[in-house]
Amino acid sequence: MLEVLFGSSAAERVLLYLQNYEQGYGREIATTFGMAQSQVRKQLEKFESGGVLVSRLVGRTRLYEWNPRNPLVPAIRALLRAAIDSLPPADRQRYLRRRTRPRRSGKAL
């Protein structure tokens, strides 16, 4: 859908993931879409060098998020939000939040 604008489906998926989850790291994004980590890492590095994303180390993991200082980020995010809203329900399932924290021991299911 947006791969024409962003250059590839890998770039589109990385940005849609970050739009939905606010932040992420390469392996997590690659696992979500069944992509190679090298593809995801290349896109993340490209967007970081372009100033759209910023990264920071959390332990040994490089976490990427939107660059709040880039004036184009709000417009890009609005476009991505519209793209997520227009996805068919089956495809939208990939972008929905999933539980990532472990359940507290003794808590009822």
C-alpha atoms as a PDB file:
ATOM      1  CA  MET A   1       0.000   0.000   0.000  1.00  0.00           C
ATOM      2  CA  LEU A   2       2.638   2.584   1.052  1.00  0.00           C
ATOM      3  CA  GLU A   3       5.648   0.721  -0.305  1.00  0.00           C
ATOM      4  CA  VAL A   4       5.652   2.966  -3.382  1.00  0.00           C
ATOM      5  CA  LEU A   5       6.168   6.009  -1.144  1.00  0.00           C
ATOM      6  CA  PHE A   6       8.706   4.447   1.210  1.00  0.00           C
ATOM      7  CA  GLY A   7      10.642   2.446  -1.376  1.00  0.00           C
ATOM      8  CA  SER A   8       9.970  -1.108  -0.183  1.00  0.00           C
ATOM      9  CA  SER A   9       7.530  -3.267   1.720  1.00  0.00           C
ATOM     10  CA  ALA A  10      10.186  -3.709   4.434  1.00  0.00           C
ATOM     11  CA  ALA A  11      10.291   0.060   5.001  1.00  0.00           C
ATOM     12  CA  GLU A  12       6.496   0.200   5.083  1.00  0.00           C
ATOM     13  CA  ARG A  13       6.266  -2.599   7.646  1.00  0.00           C
ATOM     14  CA  VAL A  14       8.932  -1.072   9.902  1.00  0.00           C
ATOM     15  CA  LEU A  15       7.143   2.281   9.960  1.00  0.00           C
ATOM     16  CA  LEU A  16       3.700   0.747  10.459  1.00  0.00           C
ATOM     17  CA  TYR A  17       5.069  -1.267  13.375  1.00  0.00           C
ATOM     18  CA  LEU A  18       6.575   1.834  14.985  1.00  0.00           C
ATOM     19  CA  GLN A  19       3.382   3.792  14.389  1.00  0.00           C
ATOM     20  CA  ASN A  20       1.402   1.213  16.316  1.00  0.00           C
ATOM     21  CA  TYR A  21       3.846   0.399  19.098  1.00  0.00           C
ATOM     22  CA  GLU A  22       5.699   3.772  19.402  1.00  0.00           C
ATOM     23  CA  GLN A  23       9.063   1.993  19.710  1.00  0.00           C
ATOM     24  CA  GLY A  24      10.686  -1.303  18.831  1.00  0.00           C
ATOM     25  CA  TYR A  25      13.857  -3.180  18.066  1.00  0.00           C
ATOM     26  CA  GLY A  26      14.991  -5.080  15.011  1.00  0.00           C
ATOM     27  CA  ARG A  27      14.421  -8.670  16.076  1.00  0.00           C
ATOM     28  CA  GLU A  28      10.940  -7.910  17.412  1.00  0.00           C
ATOM     29  CA  ILE A  29       9.876  -6.258  14.152  1.00  0.00           C
ATOM     30  CA  ALA A  30      11.424  -9.034  12.043  1.00  0.00           C
ATOM     31  CA  THR A  31       9.644 -11.720  14.078  1.00  0.00           C
ATOM     32  CA  THR A  32       6.292  -9.949  13.782  1.00  0.00           C
ATOM     33  CA  PHE A  33       6.411  -9.941   9.991  1.00  0.00           C
ATOM     34  CA  GLY A  34       8.513 -13.031   9.333  1.00  0.00           C
ATOM     35  CA  MET A  35      11.258 -10.934   7.760  1.00  0.00           C
ATOM     36  CA  ALA A  36      15.031 -11.228   7.881  1.00  0.00           C
ATOM     37  CA  GLN A  37      16.625  -9.201  10.660  1.00  0.00           C
ATOM     38  CA  SER A  38      19.113  -7.751   8.188  1.00  0.00           C
ATOM     39  CA  GLN A  39      16.260  -6.235   6.132  1.00  0.00           C
ATOM     40  CA  VAL A  40      14.740  -4.632   9.210  1.00  0.00           C
ATOM     41  CA  ARG A  41      18.089  -3.396  10.526  1.00  0.00           C
ATOM     42  CA  LYS A  42      18.870  -1.806   7.134  1.00  0.00           C
ATOM     43  CA  GLN A  43      15.559   0.069   7.147  1.00  0.00           C
ATOM     44  CA  LEU A  44      15.936   1.197  10.757  1.00  0.00           C
ATOM     45  CA  GLU A  45      19.437   2.511  10.054  1.00  0.00           C
ATOM     46  CA  LYS A  46      18.201   4.282   6.908  1.00  0.00           C
ATOM     47  CA  PHE A  47      15.394   6.041   8.785  1.00  0.00           C
ATOM     48  CA  GLU A  48      17.725   6.947  11.636  1.00  0.00           C
ATOM     49  CA  SER A  49      20.303   8.461   9.265  1.00  0.00           C
ATOM     50  CA  GLY A  50      17.452  10.399   7.619  1.00  0.00           C
ATOM     51  CA  GLY A  51      16.416  11.828  10.980  1.00  0.00           C
ATOM     52  CA  VAL A  52      12.972  10.191  11.109  1.00  0.00           C
ATOM     53  CA  LEU A  53      13.934   7.808  13.928  1.00  0.00           C
ATOM     54  CA  VAL A  54      16.282   7.987  16.885  1.00  0.00           C
ATOM     55  CA  SER A  55      17.764   5.083  18.789  1.00  0.00           C
ATOM     56  CA  ARG A  56      19.186   4.376  22.202  1.00  0.00           C
ATOM     57  CA  LEU A  57      20.791   1.393  23.832  1.00  0.00           C
ATOM     58  CA  VAL A  58      18.793  -0.382  26.528  1.00  0.00           C
ATOM     59  CA  GLY A  59      21.204  -2.982  27.853  1.00  0.00           C
ATOM     60  CA  ARG A  60      22.474  -4.649  24.684  1.00  0.00           C
ATOM     61  CA  THR A  61      19.357  -3.886  22.652  1.00  0.00           C
ATOM     62  CA  ARG A  62      19.096  -0.886  20.330  1.00  0.00           C
ATOM     63  CA  LEU A  63      15.598   0.554  20.732  1.00  0.00           C
ATOM     64  CA  TYR A  64      14.213   2.760  17.938  1.00  0.00           C
ATOM     65  CA  GLU A  65      11.500   5.396  18.275  1.00  0.00           C
ATOM     66  CA  TRP A  66      10.203   8.467  16.447  1.00  0.00           C
ATOM     67  CA  ASN A  67      12.410  11.560  16.398  1.00  0.00           C
ATOM     68  CA  PRO A  68      10.417  14.254  18.247  1.00  0.00           C
ATOM     69  CA  ARG A  69      12.623  17.013  16.766  1.00  0.00           C
ATOM     70  CA  ASN A  70      11.865  16.207  13.132  1.00  0.00           C
ATOM     71  CA  PRO A  71       9.064  18.509  11.876  1.00  0.00           C
ATOM     72  CA  LEU A  72       7.912  15.921   9.293  1.00  0.00           C
ATOM     73  CA  VAL A  73       7.266  13.126  11.798  1.00  0.00           C
ATOM     74  CA  PRO A  74       3.683  14.236  12.702  1.00  0.00           C
ATOM     75  CA  ALA A  75       2.696  14.233   9.010  1.00  0.00           C
ATOM     76  CA  ILE A  76       4.324  10.844   8.409  1.00  0.00           C
ATOM     77  CA  ARG A  77       2.565   9.403  11.462  1.00  0.00           C
ATOM     78  CA  ALA A  78      -0.809  10.788  10.314  1.00  0.00           C
ATOM     79  CA  LEU A  79      -0.325   9.055   6.945  1.00  0.00           C
ATOM     80  CA  LEU A  80       0.612   5.794   8.686  1.00  0.00           C
ATOM     81  CA  ARG A  81      -2.362   6.045  11.061  1.00  0.00           C
ATOM     82  CA  ALA A  82      -4.692   6.386   8.054  1.00  0.00           C
ATOM     83  CA  ALA A  83      -2.989   3.400   6.412  1.00  0.00           C
ATOM     84  CA  ILE A  84      -3.505   1.226   9.514  1.00  0.00           C
ATOM     85  CA  ASP A  85      -7.163   2.268   9.706  1.00  0.00           C
ATOM     86  CA  SER A  86      -7.696   1.263   6.065  1.00  0.00           C
ATOM     87  CA  LEU A  87      -6.153  -2.223   6.415  1.00  0.00           C
ATOM     88  CA  PRO A  88      -8.436  -5.239   6.157  1.00  0.00           C
ATOM     89  CA  PRO A  89      -9.163  -6.792   9.571  1.00  0.00           C
ATOM     90  CA  ALA A  90      -6.995  -9.862   8.855  1.00  0.00           C
ATOM     91  CA  ASP A  91      -3.965  -7.727   8.018  1.00  0.00           C
ATOM     92  CA  ARG A  92      -4.627  -5.324  10.888  1.00  0.00           C
ATOM     93  CA  GLN A  93      -4.125  -8.187  13.361  1.00  0.00           C
ATOM     94  CA  ARG A  94      -0.373  -7.981  12.690  1.00  0.00           C
ATOM     95  CA  TYR A  95      -0.269  -4.420  13.970  1.00  0.00           C
ATOM     96  CA  LEU A  96      -2.455  -4.793  17.055  1.00  0.00           C
ATOM     97  CA  ARG A  97      -0.911  -4.724  20.496  1.00  0.00           C
ATOM     98  CA  ARG A  98      -0.069  -8.017  22.055  1.00  0.00           C
ATOM     99  CA  ARG A  99       0.807  -8.721  25.643  1.00  0.00           C
ATOM    100  CA  THR A 100       4.565  -8.514  26.131  1.00  0.00           C
ATOM    101  CA  ARG A 101       4.898  -8.416  29.904  1.00  0.00           C
ATOM    102  CA  PRO A 102       4.743 -11.687  31.838  1.00  0.00           C
ATOM    103  CA  ARG A 103       1.656 -12.259  33.923  1.00  0.00           C
ATOM    104  CA  ARG A 104       2.096 -11.702  37.645  1.00  0.00           C
ATOM    105  CA  SER A 105       2.400 -15.041  39.461  1.00  0.00           C
ATOM    106  CA  GLY A 106      -0.826 -16.048  41.176  1.00  0.00           C
ATOM    107  CA  LYS A 107      -2.948 -13.726  39.054  1.00  0.00           C
ATOM    108  CA  ALA A 108      -6.106 -15.330  37.691  1.00  0.00           C
ATOM    109  CA  LEU A 109      -6.358 -15.795  33.947  1.00  0.00           C
END
